[in-house]
Amino acid sequence: MTQDEQTSQDSQTLFQRVEQVIERIRPAVQSDGGDLELVNVTDEGVVQVRLHGACIGCPSSSMTLHMGIERNVREKIPEITGVEQVS
């Protein structure tokens, strides 16, 4: 990571950084008829998301949540401890 990237990252809130990752993931979720909304990032580093559209009730939504969303967010933002779905 360059110093400019580190400075930029330091000036953004954790919520904003997570939001940027979610925006990169969103098109893949939307291509299957669903969507996701970033609701909150807790003080403990847990990302709370709300699923919409085809994701609601989809048997694969749990896998999407953990293998897709959580993996990507934790890979890019190490201080995130997990991702959970909220209603």
N, C-alpha and C. Protein backbone atom coordinates (compact mmCIF):
# COMPACT_ATOMS: atom_id res chain seq x y z
N MET A 1 0.85 -1.17 0.00
CA MET A 1 0.00 0.00 0.00
C MET A 1 0.89 1.23 0.00
N THR A 2 0.59 2.15 -0.91
CA THR A 2 1.37 3.38 -0.97
C THR A 2 0.97 4.30 0.17
N GLN A 3 1.80 5.31 0.41
CA GLN A 3 1.50 6.26 1.48
C GLN A 3 0.22 7.03 1.16
N ASP A 4 0.00 7.37 -0.13
CA ASP A 4 -1.22 8.08 -0.52
C ASP A 4 -2.45 7.23 -0.23
N GLU A 5 -2.38 5.92 -0.53
CA GLU A 5 -3.50 5.03 -0.26
C GLU A 5 -3.75 4.94 1.25
N GLN A 6 -2.69 4.86 2.03
CA GLN A 6 -2.82 4.78 3.48
C GLN A 6 -3.44 6.06 4.03
N THR A 7 -2.99 7.21 3.54
CA THR A 7 -3.54 8.49 3.99
C THR A 7 -5.02 8.59 3.63
N SER A 8 -5.36 8.18 2.42
CA SER A 8 -6.76 8.20 1.99
C SER A 8 -7.60 7.27 2.86
N GLN A 9 -7.06 6.08 3.13
CA GLN A 9 -7.77 5.10 3.95
C GLN A 9 -7.96 5.61 5.37
N ASP A 10 -6.96 6.25 5.92
CA ASP A 10 -7.04 6.78 7.28
C ASP A 10 -8.08 7.89 7.40
N SER A 11 -8.29 8.66 6.33
CA SER A 11 -9.21 9.79 6.40
C SER A 11 -10.67 9.35 6.22
N GLN A 12 -10.90 8.13 5.81
CA GLN A 12 -12.25 7.62 5.64
C GLN A 12 -12.68 6.86 6.88
N THR A 13 -13.96 6.92 7.17
CA THR A 13 -14.47 6.14 8.29
C THR A 13 -14.54 4.68 7.88
N LEU A 14 -14.63 3.82 8.86
CA LEU A 14 -14.76 2.39 8.59
C LEU A 14 -16.02 2.13 7.78
N PHE A 15 -17.12 2.81 8.10
CA PHE A 15 -18.37 2.65 7.37
C PHE A 15 -18.17 2.98 5.90
N GLN A 16 -17.48 4.08 5.61
CA GLN A 16 -17.25 4.49 4.21
C GLN A 16 -16.40 3.46 3.47
N ARG A 17 -15.41 2.92 4.14
CA ARG A 17 -14.56 1.91 3.50
C ARG A 17 -15.36 0.65 3.18
N VAL A 18 -16.21 0.23 4.12
CA VAL A 18 -17.06 -0.95 3.88
C VAL A 18 -18.03 -0.65 2.74
N GLU A 19 -18.58 0.54 2.73
CA GLU A 19 -19.52 0.94 1.69
C GLU A 19 -18.88 0.83 0.30
N GLN A 20 -17.62 1.20 0.18
CA GLN A 20 -16.92 1.10 -1.10
C GLN A 20 -16.80 -0.35 -1.56
N VAL A 21 -16.51 -1.25 -0.63
CA VAL A 21 -16.41 -2.67 -0.98
C VAL A 21 -17.78 -3.20 -1.38
N ILE A 22 -18.81 -2.84 -0.64
CA ILE A 22 -20.18 -3.27 -0.95
C ILE A 22 -20.57 -2.80 -2.36
N GLU A 23 -20.20 -1.58 -2.72
CA GLU A 23 -20.53 -1.05 -4.04
C GLU A 23 -19.87 -1.87 -5.15
N ARG A 24 -18.72 -2.45 -4.88
CA ARG A 24 -18.04 -3.31 -5.87
C ARG A 24 -18.73 -4.66 -5.99
N ILE A 25 -19.32 -5.13 -4.90
CA ILE A 25 -19.99 -6.44 -4.88
C ILE A 25 -21.41 -6.33 -5.44
N ARG A 26 -22.06 -5.21 -5.22
CA ARG A 26 -23.47 -5.01 -5.55
C ARG A 26 -23.85 -5.45 -6.96
N PRO A 27 -23.11 -5.12 -8.02
CA PRO A 27 -23.54 -5.53 -9.37
C PRO A 27 -23.70 -7.05 -9.53
N ALA A 28 -22.87 -7.83 -8.88
CA ALA A 28 -22.99 -9.29 -8.96
C ALA A 28 -24.29 -9.76 -8.30
N VAL A 29 -24.63 -9.17 -7.19
CA VAL A 29 -25.86 -9.53 -6.48
C VAL A 29 -27.07 -9.07 -7.31
N GLN A 30 -26.99 -7.88 -7.87
CA GLN A 30 -28.08 -7.35 -8.67
C GLN A 30 -28.30 -8.17 -9.95
N SER A 31 -27.24 -8.73 -10.48
CA SER A 31 -27.38 -9.53 -11.71
C SER A 31 -28.23 -10.77 -11.50
N ASP A 32 -28.38 -11.18 -10.24
CA ASP A 32 -29.22 -12.33 -9.90
C ASP A 32 -30.59 -11.90 -9.38
N GLY A 33 -30.90 -10.60 -9.50
CA GLY A 33 -32.21 -10.11 -9.09
C GLY A 33 -32.31 -9.65 -7.65
N GLY A 34 -31.20 -9.59 -6.97
CA GLY A 34 -31.21 -9.17 -5.57
C GLY A 34 -30.51 -7.84 -5.39
N ASP A 35 -30.34 -7.47 -4.17
CA ASP A 35 -29.60 -6.26 -3.83
C ASP A 35 -29.21 -6.35 -2.36
N LEU A 36 -28.28 -5.51 -1.96
CA LEU A 36 -27.90 -5.46 -0.56
C LEU A 36 -27.69 -4.02 -0.14
N GLU A 37 -27.94 -3.78 1.12
CA GLU A 37 -27.84 -2.45 1.70
C GLU A 37 -26.97 -2.53 2.94
N LEU A 38 -25.99 -1.66 3.02
CA LEU A 38 -25.16 -1.56 4.21
C LEU A 38 -25.95 -0.80 5.26
N VAL A 39 -26.21 -1.43 6.39
CA VAL A 39 -27.01 -0.83 7.45
C VAL A 39 -26.12 -0.19 8.51
N ASN A 40 -25.08 -0.93 8.95
CA ASN A 40 -24.27 -0.45 10.06
C ASN A 40 -22.96 -1.22 10.10
N VAL A 41 -21.98 -0.63 10.74
CA VAL A 41 -20.75 -1.32 11.12
C VAL A 41 -20.62 -1.09 12.62
N THR A 42 -20.69 -2.17 13.39
CA THR A 42 -20.67 -2.05 14.85
C THR A 42 -19.27 -1.70 15.35
N ASP A 43 -19.21 -1.30 16.60
CA ASP A 43 -17.92 -1.00 17.24
C ASP A 43 -17.04 -2.24 17.31
N GLU A 44 -17.66 -3.42 17.26
CA GLU A 44 -16.91 -4.68 17.30
C GLU A 44 -16.42 -5.10 15.91
N GLY A 45 -16.74 -4.31 14.88
CA GLY A 45 -16.28 -4.62 13.53
C GLY A 45 -17.18 -5.56 12.77
N VAL A 46 -18.44 -5.68 13.19
CA VAL A 46 -19.40 -6.53 12.48
C VAL A 46 -20.19 -5.67 11.50
N VAL A 47 -20.18 -6.08 10.24
CA VAL A 47 -20.92 -5.39 9.20
C VAL A 47 -22.34 -5.95 9.19
N GLN A 48 -23.33 -5.06 9.24
CA GLN A 48 -24.72 -5.47 9.18
C GLN A 48 -25.29 -5.04 7.84
N VAL A 49 -25.83 -6.02 7.10
CA VAL A 49 -26.41 -5.74 5.79
C VAL A 49 -27.85 -6.22 5.74
N ARG A 50 -28.61 -5.60 4.87
CA ARG A 50 -30.00 -6.01 4.63
C ARG A 50 -30.06 -6.47 3.17
N LEU A 51 -30.61 -7.65 2.96
CA LEU A 51 -30.76 -8.18 1.61
C LEU A 51 -32.12 -7.80 1.07
N HIS A 52 -32.19 -7.58 -0.24
CA HIS A 52 -33.43 -7.16 -0.89
C HIS A 52 -33.68 -8.01 -2.13
N GLY A 53 -34.88 -7.89 -2.67
CA GLY A 53 -35.23 -8.53 -3.94
C GLY A 53 -35.17 -10.04 -3.86
N ALA A 54 -34.59 -10.63 -4.89
CA ALA A 54 -34.54 -12.09 -4.99
C ALA A 54 -33.73 -12.73 -3.86
N CYS A 55 -32.92 -11.97 -3.15
CA CYS A 55 -32.13 -12.52 -2.04
C CYS A 55 -33.01 -12.93 -0.87
N ILE A 56 -34.16 -12.28 -0.73
CA ILE A 56 -35.05 -12.60 0.38
C ILE A 56 -35.64 -13.98 0.16
N GLY A 57 -35.38 -14.87 1.08
CA GLY A 57 -35.90 -16.22 0.98
C GLY A 57 -35.11 -17.15 0.06
N CYS A 58 -34.08 -16.65 -0.58
CA CYS A 58 -33.28 -17.49 -1.47
C CYS A 58 -32.43 -18.45 -0.63
N PRO A 59 -32.45 -19.74 -0.98
CA PRO A 59 -31.66 -20.69 -0.20
C PRO A 59 -30.15 -20.45 -0.29
N SER A 60 -29.71 -19.73 -1.31
CA SER A 60 -28.28 -19.46 -1.46
C SER A 60 -27.85 -18.16 -0.79
N SER A 61 -28.78 -17.42 -0.21
CA SER A 61 -28.43 -16.12 0.35
C SER A 61 -27.43 -16.22 1.50
N SER A 62 -27.51 -17.28 2.28
CA SER A 62 -26.55 -17.46 3.37
C SER A 62 -25.14 -17.67 2.82
N MET A 63 -25.03 -18.44 1.75
CA MET A 63 -23.72 -18.66 1.14
C MET A 63 -23.22 -17.36 0.52
N THR A 64 -24.10 -16.62 -0.14
CA THR A 64 -23.72 -15.32 -0.72
C THR A 64 -23.22 -14.40 0.37
N LEU A 65 -23.93 -14.38 1.48
CA LEU A 65 -23.57 -13.51 2.59
C LEU A 65 -22.18 -13.82 3.12
N HIS A 66 -21.91 -15.10 3.36
CA HIS A 66 -20.64 -15.46 4.01
C HIS A 66 -19.50 -15.68 3.02
N MET A 67 -19.74 -16.39 1.95
CA MET A 67 -18.66 -16.72 1.02
C MET A 67 -18.37 -15.57 0.05
N GLY A 68 -19.36 -14.75 -0.22
CA GLY A 68 -19.17 -13.65 -1.15
C GLY A 68 -18.91 -12.33 -0.45
N ILE A 69 -19.90 -11.87 0.27
CA ILE A 69 -19.82 -10.54 0.89
C ILE A 69 -18.78 -10.52 2.01
N GLU A 70 -18.91 -11.43 2.97
CA GLU A 70 -17.99 -11.42 4.12
C GLU A 70 -16.55 -11.65 3.69
N ARG A 71 -16.33 -12.59 2.81
CA ARG A 71 -14.96 -12.87 2.35
C ARG A 71 -14.34 -11.63 1.71
N ASN A 72 -15.09 -10.96 0.85
CA ASN A 72 -14.57 -9.77 0.17
C ASN A 72 -14.31 -8.62 1.14
N VAL A 73 -15.24 -8.38 2.04
CA VAL A 73 -15.08 -7.26 2.97
C VAL A 73 -13.90 -7.53 3.91
N ARG A 74 -13.80 -8.73 4.45
CA ARG A 74 -12.71 -9.03 5.39
C ARG A 74 -11.35 -9.05 4.70
N GLU A 75 -11.34 -9.43 3.43
CA GLU A 75 -10.09 -9.43 2.67
C GLU A 75 -9.56 -8.01 2.48
N LYS A 76 -10.46 -7.08 2.22
CA LYS A 76 -10.06 -5.71 1.93
C LYS A 76 -9.96 -4.84 3.19
N ILE A 77 -10.67 -5.23 4.24
CA ILE A 77 -10.68 -4.44 5.48
C ILE A 77 -10.48 -5.41 6.65
N PRO A 78 -9.24 -5.68 7.00
CA PRO A 78 -8.92 -6.70 8.01
C PRO A 78 -9.56 -6.48 9.39
N GLU A 79 -9.89 -5.24 9.74
CA GLU A 79 -10.46 -5.01 11.06
C GLU A 79 -11.92 -5.43 11.17
N ILE A 80 -12.52 -5.83 10.06
CA ILE A 80 -13.89 -6.36 10.09
C ILE A 80 -13.84 -7.79 10.62
N THR A 81 -14.72 -8.08 11.57
CA THR A 81 -14.71 -9.40 12.20
C THR A 81 -15.79 -10.33 11.66
N GLY A 82 -16.78 -9.78 10.97
CA GLY A 82 -17.83 -10.62 10.42
C GLY A 82 -18.88 -9.80 9.71
N VAL A 83 -19.81 -10.51 9.07
CA VAL A 83 -20.93 -9.88 8.38
C VAL A 83 -22.18 -10.61 8.80
N GLU A 84 -23.23 -9.86 9.12
CA GLU A 84 -24.49 -10.49 9.49
C GLU A 84 -25.64 -9.81 8.79
N GLN A 85 -26.69 -10.59 8.55
CA GLN A 85 -27.89 -10.07 7.91
C GLN A 85 -28.84 -9.55 8.98
N VAL A 86 -29.41 -8.39 8.72
CA VAL A 86 -30.43 -7.84 9.60
C VAL A 86 -31.69 -7.62 8.79
N SER A 87 -32.84 -7.56 9.48
CA SER A 87 -34.09 -7.35 8.74
C SER A 87 -34.58 -5.93 8.88
